[in-house]
């Protein structure tokens, strides 16, 4: 009986490599002024422990932001404050 799945085929079969997507699949990066970003009112994390926030701050200062922040355009409220 033939084996199926990733086991026995090396680590590369289980964990994707550093393959880059084709150019047409990439999403352009846009810088947005922080003042234009409005928090989601449905965000479940409304209170953050001060020590955890400091820990996050230190991590960002040390390593940067590894995964980009994602924001969505609010078409009905563009430019309104």
PDB file of N, CA and C in Angstrom:
ATOM      1  N   UNK A   1       0.839  -1.171   0.000  1.00  0.00           N
ATOM      2  CA  UNK A   1       0.000   0.000   0.000  1.00  0.00           C
ATOM      3  C   UNK A   1       0.892   1.244   0.000  1.00  0.00           C
ATOM      4  N   UNK A   2       0.622   2.195  -0.855  1.00  0.00           N
ATOM      5  CA  UNK A   2       1.432   3.406  -0.972  1.00  0.00           C
ATOM      6  C   UNK A   2       1.112   4.379   0.153  1.00  0.00           C
ATOM      7  N   UNK A   3       2.146   5.062   0.609  1.00  0.00           N
ATOM      8  CA  UNK A   3       1.960   6.084   1.640  1.00  0.00           C
ATOM      9  C   UNK A   3       1.332   7.328   1.036  1.00  0.00           C
ATOM     10  N   UNK A   4       0.504   7.984   1.824  1.00  0.00           N
ATOM     11  CA  UNK A   4      -0.085   9.246   1.389  1.00  0.00           C
ATOM     12  C   UNK A   4       0.183  10.286   2.458  1.00  0.00           C
ATOM     13  N   UNK A   5       0.159  11.536   2.083  1.00  0.00           N
ATOM     14  CA  UNK A   5       0.377  12.610   3.047  1.00  0.00           C
ATOM     15  C   UNK A   5       1.826  13.021   3.092  1.00  0.00           C
ATOM     16  N   UNK A   6       2.166  13.891   4.037  1.00  0.00           N
ATOM     17  CA  UNK A   6       3.493  14.473   4.110  1.00  0.00           C
ATOM     18  C   UNK A   6       4.492  13.675   4.914  1.00  0.00           C
ATOM     19  N   UNK A   7       4.051  12.777   5.780  1.00  0.00           N
ATOM     20  CA  UNK A   7       4.981  12.048   6.628  1.00  0.00           C
ATOM     21  C   UNK A   7       5.887  11.153   5.808  1.00  0.00           C
ATOM     22  N   UNK A   8       7.160  11.142   6.161  1.00  0.00           N
ATOM     23  CA  UNK A   8       8.121  10.314   5.455  1.00  0.00           C
ATOM     24  C   UNK A   8       8.675  10.972   4.207  1.00  0.00           C
ATOM     25  N   UNK A   9       8.274  12.209   3.934  1.00  0.00           N
ATOM     26  CA  UNK A   9       8.754  12.901   2.737  1.00  0.00           C
ATOM     27  C   UNK A   9       9.665  14.070   3.091  1.00  0.00           C
ATOM     28  N   UNK A  10      10.054  14.160   4.327  1.00  0.00           N
ATOM     29  CA  UNK A  10      10.926  15.243   4.752  1.00  0.00           C
ATOM     30  C   UNK A  10      10.138  16.413   5.305  1.00  0.00           C
ATOM     31  N   UNK A  11      10.857  17.291   5.957  1.00  0.00           N
ATOM     32  CA  UNK A  11      10.239  18.446   6.597  1.00  0.00           C
ATOM     33  C   UNK A  11       9.579  19.378   5.583  1.00  0.00           C
ATOM     34  N   UNK A  12      10.129  19.469   4.391  1.00  0.00           N
ATOM     35  CA  UNK A  12       9.574  20.343   3.359  1.00  0.00           C
ATOM     36  C   UNK A  12       8.164  19.960   2.946  1.00  0.00           C
ATOM     37  N   UNK A  13       7.784  18.706   3.122  1.00  0.00           N
ATOM     38  CA  UNK A  13       6.429  18.270   2.777  1.00  0.00           C
ATOM     39  C   UNK A  13       5.419  18.733   3.817  1.00  0.00           C
ATOM     40  N   UNK A  14       5.892  19.002   5.031  1.00  0.00           N
ATOM     41  CA  UNK A  14       4.999  19.426   6.104  1.00  0.00           C
ATOM     42  C   UNK A  14       4.942  20.937   6.275  1.00  0.00           C
ATOM     43  N   UNK A  15       6.064  21.603   6.043  1.00  0.00           N
ATOM     44  CA  UNK A  15       6.149  23.050   6.239  1.00  0.00           C
ATOM     45  C   UNK A  15       6.484  23.689   4.898  1.00  0.00           C
ATOM     46  N   UNK A  16       5.622  24.587   4.417  1.00  0.00           N
ATOM     47  CA  UNK A  16       5.903  25.227   3.128  1.00  0.00           C
ATOM     48  C   UNK A  16       7.217  25.992   3.163  1.00  0.00           C
ATOM     49  N   UNK A  17       7.888  26.052   2.031  1.00  0.00           N
ATOM     50  CA  UNK A  17       9.158  26.757   1.930  1.00  0.00           C
ATOM     51  C   UNK A  17       8.964  28.254   1.794  1.00  0.00           C
ATOM     52  N   UNK A  18      10.035  28.932   1.435  1.00  0.00           N
ATOM     53  CA  UNK A  18      10.000  30.382   1.284  1.00  0.00           C
ATOM     54  C   UNK A  18       9.645  30.779  -0.146  1.00  0.00           C
ATOM     55  N   UNK A  19       8.790  30.027  -0.776  1.00  0.00           N
ATOM     56  CA  UNK A  19       8.429  30.335  -2.153  1.00  0.00           C
ATOM     57  C   UNK A  19       7.675  31.653  -2.210  1.00  0.00           C
ATOM     58  N   UNK A  20       8.055  32.486  -3.153  1.00  0.00           N
ATOM     59  CA  UNK A  20       7.394  33.771  -3.331  1.00  0.00           C
ATOM     60  C   UNK A  20       6.221  33.600  -4.290  1.00  0.00           C
ATOM     61  N   UNK A  21       5.090  34.262  -4.016  1.00  0.00           N
ATOM     62  CA  UNK A  21       3.969  34.182  -4.944  1.00  0.00           C
ATOM     63  C   UNK A  21       4.316  34.886  -6.248  1.00  0.00           C
ATOM     64  N   UNK A  22       3.628  34.511  -7.311  1.00  0.00           N
ATOM     65  CA  UNK A  22       3.828  35.176  -8.591  1.00  0.00           C
ATOM     66  C   UNK A  22       3.498  36.656  -8.426  1.00  0.00           C
ATOM     67  N   UNK A  23       4.138  37.503  -9.210  1.00  0.00           N
ATOM     68  CA  UNK A  23       3.943  38.951  -9.077  1.00  0.00           C
ATOM     69  C   UNK A  23       2.477  39.356  -9.114  1.00  0.00           C
ATOM     70  N   UNK A  24       1.691  38.734  -9.979  1.00  0.00           N
ATOM     71  CA  UNK A  24       0.295  39.146 -10.102  1.00  0.00           C
ATOM     72  C   UNK A  24      -0.539  38.746  -8.883  1.00  0.00           C
ATOM     73  N   UNK A  25      -0.006  37.909  -7.987  1.00  0.00           N
ATOM     74  CA  UNK A  25      -0.730  37.507  -6.786  1.00  0.00           C
ATOM     75  C   UNK A  25      -0.405  38.413  -5.600  1.00  0.00           C
ATOM     76  N   UNK A  26       0.596  39.240  -5.721  1.00  0.00           N
ATOM     77  CA  UNK A  26       1.008  40.099  -4.609  1.00  0.00           C
ATOM     78  C   UNK A  26       0.044  41.268  -4.454  1.00  0.00           C
ATOM     79  N   UNK A  27      -0.183  41.618  -3.218  1.00  0.00           N
ATOM     80  CA  UNK A  27      -1.041  42.760  -2.911  1.00  0.00           C
ATOM     81  C   UNK A  27      -0.135  43.962  -2.692  1.00  0.00           C
ATOM     82  N   UNK A  28      -0.436  45.095  -3.321  1.00  0.00           N
ATOM     83  CA  UNK A  28       0.433  46.255  -3.120  1.00  0.00           C
ATOM     84  C   UNK A  28       0.384  46.750  -1.673  1.00  0.00           C
ATOM     85  N   UNK A  29       1.509  47.258  -1.214  1.00  0.00           N
ATOM     86  CA  UNK A  29       1.603  47.796   0.137  1.00  0.00           C
ATOM     87  C   UNK A  29       1.288  49.283   0.073  1.00  0.00           C
ATOM     88  N   UNK A  30       0.415  49.725   0.950  1.00  0.00           N
ATOM     89  CA  UNK A  30       0.053  51.137   1.019  1.00  0.00           C
ATOM     90  C   UNK A  30       0.283  51.626   2.437  1.00  0.00           C
ATOM     91  N   UNK A  31       0.964  52.734   2.570  1.00  0.00           N
ATOM     92  CA  UNK A  31       1.154  53.320   3.897  1.00  0.00           C
ATOM     93  C   UNK A  31      -0.025  54.234   4.186  1.00  0.00           C
ATOM     94  N   UNK A  32      -0.576  54.099   5.388  1.00  0.00           N
ATOM     95  CA  UNK A  32      -1.744  54.869   5.804  1.00  0.00           C
ATOM     96  C   UNK A  32      -1.365  55.649   7.058  1.00  0.00           C
ATOM     97  N   UNK A  33      -1.641  56.951   7.089  1.00  0.00           N
ATOM     98  CA  UNK A  33      -1.353  57.711   8.312  1.00  0.00           C
ATOM     99  C   UNK A  33      -2.121  57.125   9.498  1.00  0.00           C
ATOM    100  N   UNK A  34      -1.457  56.995  10.630  1.00  0.00           N
ATOM    101  CA  UNK A  34      -2.069  56.370  11.803  1.00  0.00           C
ATOM    102  C   UNK A  34      -3.352  57.082  12.209  1.00  0.00           C
ATOM    103  N   UNK A  35      -3.434  58.377  11.973  1.00  0.00           N
ATOM    104  CA  UNK A  35      -4.637  59.132  12.315  1.00  0.00           C
ATOM    105  C   UNK A  35      -5.842  58.758  11.475  1.00  0.00           C
ATOM    106  N   UNK A  36      -5.601  58.107  10.332  1.00  0.00           N
ATOM    107  CA  UNK A  36      -6.703  57.681   9.460  1.00  0.00           C
ATOM    108  C   UNK A  36      -7.247  56.307   9.828  1.00  0.00           C
ATOM    109  N   UNK A  37      -6.577  55.615  10.738  1.00  0.00           N
ATOM    110  CA  UNK A  37      -7.003  54.271  11.127  1.00  0.00           C
ATOM    111  C   UNK A  37      -7.979  54.380  12.298  1.00  0.00           C
ATOM    112  N   UNK A  38      -9.144  53.772  12.129  1.00  0.00           N
ATOM    113  CA  UNK A  38     -10.184  53.797  13.159  1.00  0.00           C
ATOM    114  C   UNK A  38     -10.329  52.385  13.718  1.00  0.00           C
ATOM    115  N   UNK A  39     -10.242  52.210  15.034  1.00  0.00           N
ATOM    116  CA  UNK A  39     -10.381  50.868  15.616  1.00  0.00           C
ATOM    117  C   UNK A  39     -11.756  50.272  15.332  1.00  0.00           C
ATOM    118  N   UNK A  40     -11.779  48.970  15.181  1.00  0.00           N
ATOM    119  CA  UNK A  40     -13.031  48.247  14.975  1.00  0.00           C
ATOM    120  C   UNK A  40     -13.804  48.241  16.297  1.00  0.00           C
ATOM    121  N   UNK A  41     -15.034  48.758  16.316  1.00  0.00           N
ATOM    122  CA  UNK A  41     -15.798  48.773  17.568  1.00  0.00           C
ATOM    123  C   UNK A  41     -16.151  47.373  18.074  1.00  0.00           C
ATOM    124  N   UNK A  42     -16.025  46.358  17.211  1.00  0.00           N
ATOM    125  CA  UNK A  42     -16.334  44.976  17.608  1.00  0.00           C
ATOM    126  C   UNK A  42     -15.084  44.223  18.064  1.00  0.00           C
ATOM    127  N   UNK A  43     -13.965  44.923  18.193  1.00  0.00           N
ATOM    128  CA  UNK A  43     -12.721  44.309  18.647  1.00  0.00           C
ATOM    129  C   UNK A  43     -12.926  43.755  20.060  1.00  0.00           C
ATOM    130  N   UNK A  44     -12.725  42.445  20.255  1.00  0.00           N
ATOM    131  CA  UNK A  44     -12.974  41.850  21.574  1.00  0.00           C
ATOM    132  C   UNK A  44     -11.966  42.279  22.638  1.00  0.00           C
ATOM    133  N   UNK A  45     -10.763  42.685  22.241  1.00  0.00           N
ATOM    134  CA  UNK A  45      -9.749  43.097  23.219  1.00  0.00           C
ATOM    135  C   UNK A  45      -9.903  44.590  23.499  1.00  0.00           C
ATOM    136  N   UNK A  46     -10.773  44.923  24.440  1.00  0.00           N
ATOM    137  CA  UNK A  46     -11.011  46.330  24.759  1.00  0.00           C
ATOM    138  C   UNK A  46     -10.109  46.814  25.885  1.00  0.00           C
ATOM    139  N   UNK A  47      -9.606  45.903  26.694  1.00  0.00           N
ATOM    140  CA  UNK A  47      -8.722  46.255  27.804  1.00  0.00           C
ATOM    141  C   UNK A  47      -7.449  45.436  27.651  1.00  0.00           C
ATOM    142  N   UNK A  48      -6.305  46.107  27.766  1.00  0.00           N
ATOM    143  CA  UNK A  48      -5.038  45.406  27.657  1.00  0.00           C
ATOM    144  C   UNK A  48      -4.241  45.602  28.931  1.00  0.00           C
ATOM    145  N   UNK A  49      -3.687  44.521  29.437  1.00  0.00           N
ATOM    146  CA  UNK A  49      -2.829  44.555  30.615  1.00  0.00           C
ATOM    147  C   UNK A  49      -1.608  45.429  30.303  1.00  0.00           C
ATOM    148  N   UNK A  50      -1.336  46.393  31.155  1.00  0.00           N
ATOM    149  CA  UNK A  50      -0.234  47.345  30.934  1.00  0.00           C
ATOM    150  C   UNK A  50       1.104  46.628  30.751  1.00  0.00           C
ATOM    151  N   UNK A  51       1.366  45.586  31.546  1.00  0.00           N
ATOM    152  CA  UNK A  51       2.642  44.871  31.431  1.00  0.00           C
ATOM    153  C   UNK A  51       2.740  44.136  30.096  1.00  0.00           C
ATOM    154  N   UNK A  52       1.621  43.596  29.622  1.00  0.00           N
ATOM    155  CA  UNK A  52       1.614  42.911  28.321  1.00  0.00           C
ATOM    156  C   UNK A  52       1.822  43.916  27.188  1.00  0.00           C
ATOM    157  N   UNK A  53       1.268  45.116  27.338  1.00  0.00           N
ATOM    158  CA  UNK A  53       1.443  46.161  26.337  1.00  0.00           C
ATOM    159  C   UNK A  53       2.907  46.595  26.266  1.00  0.00           C
ATOM    160  N   UNK A  54       3.559  46.720  27.422  1.00  0.00           N
ATOM    161  CA  UNK A  54       4.984  47.058  27.449  1.00  0.00           C
ATOM    162  C   UNK A  54       5.821  45.943  26.826  1.00  0.00           C
ATOM    163  N   UNK A  55       5.433  44.696  27.082  1.00  0.00           N
ATOM    164  CA  UNK A  55       6.120  43.543  26.497  1.00  0.00           C
ATOM    165  C   UNK A  55       5.996  43.571  24.971  1.00  0.00           C
ATOM    166  N   UNK A  56       4.800  43.888  24.483  1.00  0.00           N
ATOM    167  CA  UNK A  56       4.574  43.997  23.043  1.00  0.00           C
ATOM    168  C   UNK A  56       5.399  45.142  22.460  1.00  0.00           C
ATOM    169  N   UNK A  57       5.443  46.267  23.153  1.00  0.00           N
ATOM    170  CA  UNK A  57       6.233  47.417  22.706  1.00  0.00           C
ATOM    171  C   UNK A  57       7.703  47.045  22.574  1.00  0.00           C
ATOM    172  N   UNK A  58       8.252  46.370  23.577  1.00  0.00           N
ATOM    173  CA  UNK A  58       9.652  45.934  23.533  1.00  0.00           C
ATOM    174  C   UNK A  58       9.901  44.990  22.367  1.00  0.00           C
ATOM    175  N   UNK A  59       8.968  44.076  22.132  1.00  0.00           N
ATOM    176  CA  UNK A  59       9.106  43.120  21.037  1.00  0.00           C
ATOM    177  C   UNK A  59       9.124  43.836  19.685  1.00  0.00           C
ATOM    178  N   UNK A  60       8.233  44.811  19.515  1.00  0.00           N
ATOM    179  CA  UNK A  60       8.185  45.554  18.248  1.00  0.00           C
ATOM    180  C   UNK A  60       9.467  46.363  18.064  1.00  0.00           C
ATOM    181  N   UNK A  61       9.968  46.975  19.136  1.00  0.00           N
ATOM    182  CA  UNK A  61      11.215  47.733  19.040  1.00  0.00           C
ATOM    183  C   UNK A  61      12.395  46.828  18.696  1.00  0.00           C
ATOM    184  N   UNK A  62      12.388  45.599  19.213  1.00  0.00           N
ATOM    185  CA  UNK A  62      13.477  44.656  18.968  1.00  0.00           C
ATOM    186  C   UNK A  62      13.390  44.008  17.594  1.00  0.00           C
ATOM    187  N   UNK A  63      12.206  43.505  17.244  1.00  0.00           N
ATOM    188  CA  UNK A  63      12.055  42.700  16.037  1.00  0.00           C
ATOM    189  C   UNK A  63      11.296  43.393  14.910  1.00  0.00           C
ATOM    190  N   UNK A  64      10.639  44.503  15.212  1.00  0.00           N
ATOM    191  CA  UNK A  64       9.781  45.144  14.216  1.00  0.00           C
ATOM    192  C   UNK A  64       8.456  44.404  14.151  1.00  0.00           C
ATOM    193  N   UNK A  65       7.643  44.807  13.208  1.00  0.00           N
ATOM    194  CA  UNK A  65       6.368  44.124  13.003  1.00  0.00           C
ATOM    195  C   UNK A  65       6.595  43.093  11.916  1.00  0.00           C
ATOM    196  N   UNK A  66       6.535  41.829  12.290  1.00  0.00           N
ATOM    197  CA  UNK A  66       6.852  40.741  11.371  1.00  0.00           C
ATOM    198  C   UNK A  66       5.725  40.526  10.372  1.00  0.00           C
ATOM    199  N   UNK A  67       4.509  40.584  10.843  1.00  0.00           N
ATOM    200  CA  UNK A  67       3.359  40.399   9.961  1.00  0.00           C
ATOM    201  C   UNK A  67       2.697  41.761   9.773  1.00  0.00           C
ATOM    202  N   UNK A  68       2.489  42.181   8.520  1.00  0.00           N
ATOM    203  CA  UNK A  68       1.915  43.513   8.297  1.00  0.00           C
ATOM    204  C   UNK A  68       0.533  43.658   8.917  1.00  0.00           C
ATOM    205  N   UNK A  69       0.224  44.871   9.320  1.00  0.00           N
ATOM    206  CA  UNK A  69      -1.111  45.162   9.824  1.00  0.00           C
ATOM    207  C   UNK A  69      -2.057  45.253   8.639  1.00  0.00           C
ATOM    208  N   UNK A  70      -3.229  44.715   8.798  1.00  0.00           N
ATOM    209  CA  UNK A  70      -4.219  44.764   7.733  1.00  0.00           C
ATOM    210  C   UNK A  70      -5.317  45.733   8.125  1.00  0.00           C
ATOM    211  N   UNK A  71      -5.642  46.631   7.229  1.00  0.00           N
ATOM    212  CA  UNK A  71      -6.735  47.567   7.453  1.00  0.00           C
ATOM    213  C   UNK A  71      -7.674  47.490   6.260  1.00  0.00           C
ATOM    214  N   UNK A  72      -8.926  47.806   6.503  1.00  0.00           N
ATOM    215  CA  UNK A  72      -9.919  47.792   5.425  1.00  0.00           C
ATOM    216  C   UNK A  72     -10.434  49.205   5.215  1.00  0.00           C
ATOM    217  N   UNK A  73     -10.653  49.532   3.973  1.00  0.00           N
ATOM    218  CA  UNK A  73     -11.199  50.840   3.639  1.00  0.00           C
ATOM    219  C   UNK A  73     -12.676  50.881   4.012  1.00  0.00           C
ATOM    220  N   UNK A  74     -13.088  51.936   4.664  1.00  0.00           N
ATOM    221  CA  UNK A  74     -14.497  52.134   5.014  1.00  0.00           C
ATOM    222  C   UNK A  74     -15.062  53.113   3.994  1.00  0.00           C
ATOM    223  N   UNK A  75     -15.582  52.574   2.914  1.00  0.00           N
ATOM    224  CA  UNK A  75     -16.001  53.371   1.765  1.00  0.00           C
ATOM    225  C   UNK A  75     -16.994  54.462   2.149  1.00  0.00           C
ATOM    226  N   UNK A  76     -17.902  54.192   3.053  1.00  0.00           N
ATOM    227  CA  UNK A  76     -18.914  55.165   3.416  1.00  0.00           C
ATOM    228  C   UNK A  76     -18.421  56.298   4.291  1.00  0.00           C
ATOM    229  N   UNK A  77     -17.202  56.188   4.826  1.00  0.00           N
ATOM    230  CA  UNK A  77     -16.724  57.198   5.770  1.00  0.00           C
ATOM    231  C   UNK A  77     -15.338  57.726   5.425  1.00  0.00           C
ATOM    232  N   UNK A  78     -14.923  57.606   4.189  1.00  0.00           N
ATOM    233  CA  UNK A  78     -13.589  58.069   3.808  1.00  0.00           C
ATOM    234  C   UNK A  78     -13.422  59.556   4.089  1.00  0.00           C
ATOM    235  N   UNK A  79     -12.371  59.900   4.790  1.00  0.00           N
ATOM    236  CA  UNK A  79     -12.028  61.289   5.028  1.00  0.00           C
ATOM    237  C   UNK A  79     -12.823  61.959   6.126  1.00  0.00           C
ATOM    238  N   UNK A  80     -13.798  61.293   6.697  1.00  0.00           N
ATOM    239  CA  UNK A  80     -14.592  61.906   7.756  1.00  0.00           C
ATOM    240  C   UNK A  80     -13.918  61.668   9.097  1.00  0.00           C
ATOM    241  N   UNK A  81     -14.051  62.611   9.984  1.00  0.00           N
ATOM    242  CA  UNK A  81     -13.466  62.476  11.323  1.00  0.00           C
ATOM    243  C   UNK A  81     -14.524  62.729  12.354  1.00  0.00           C
TER     244      UNK A  81
END
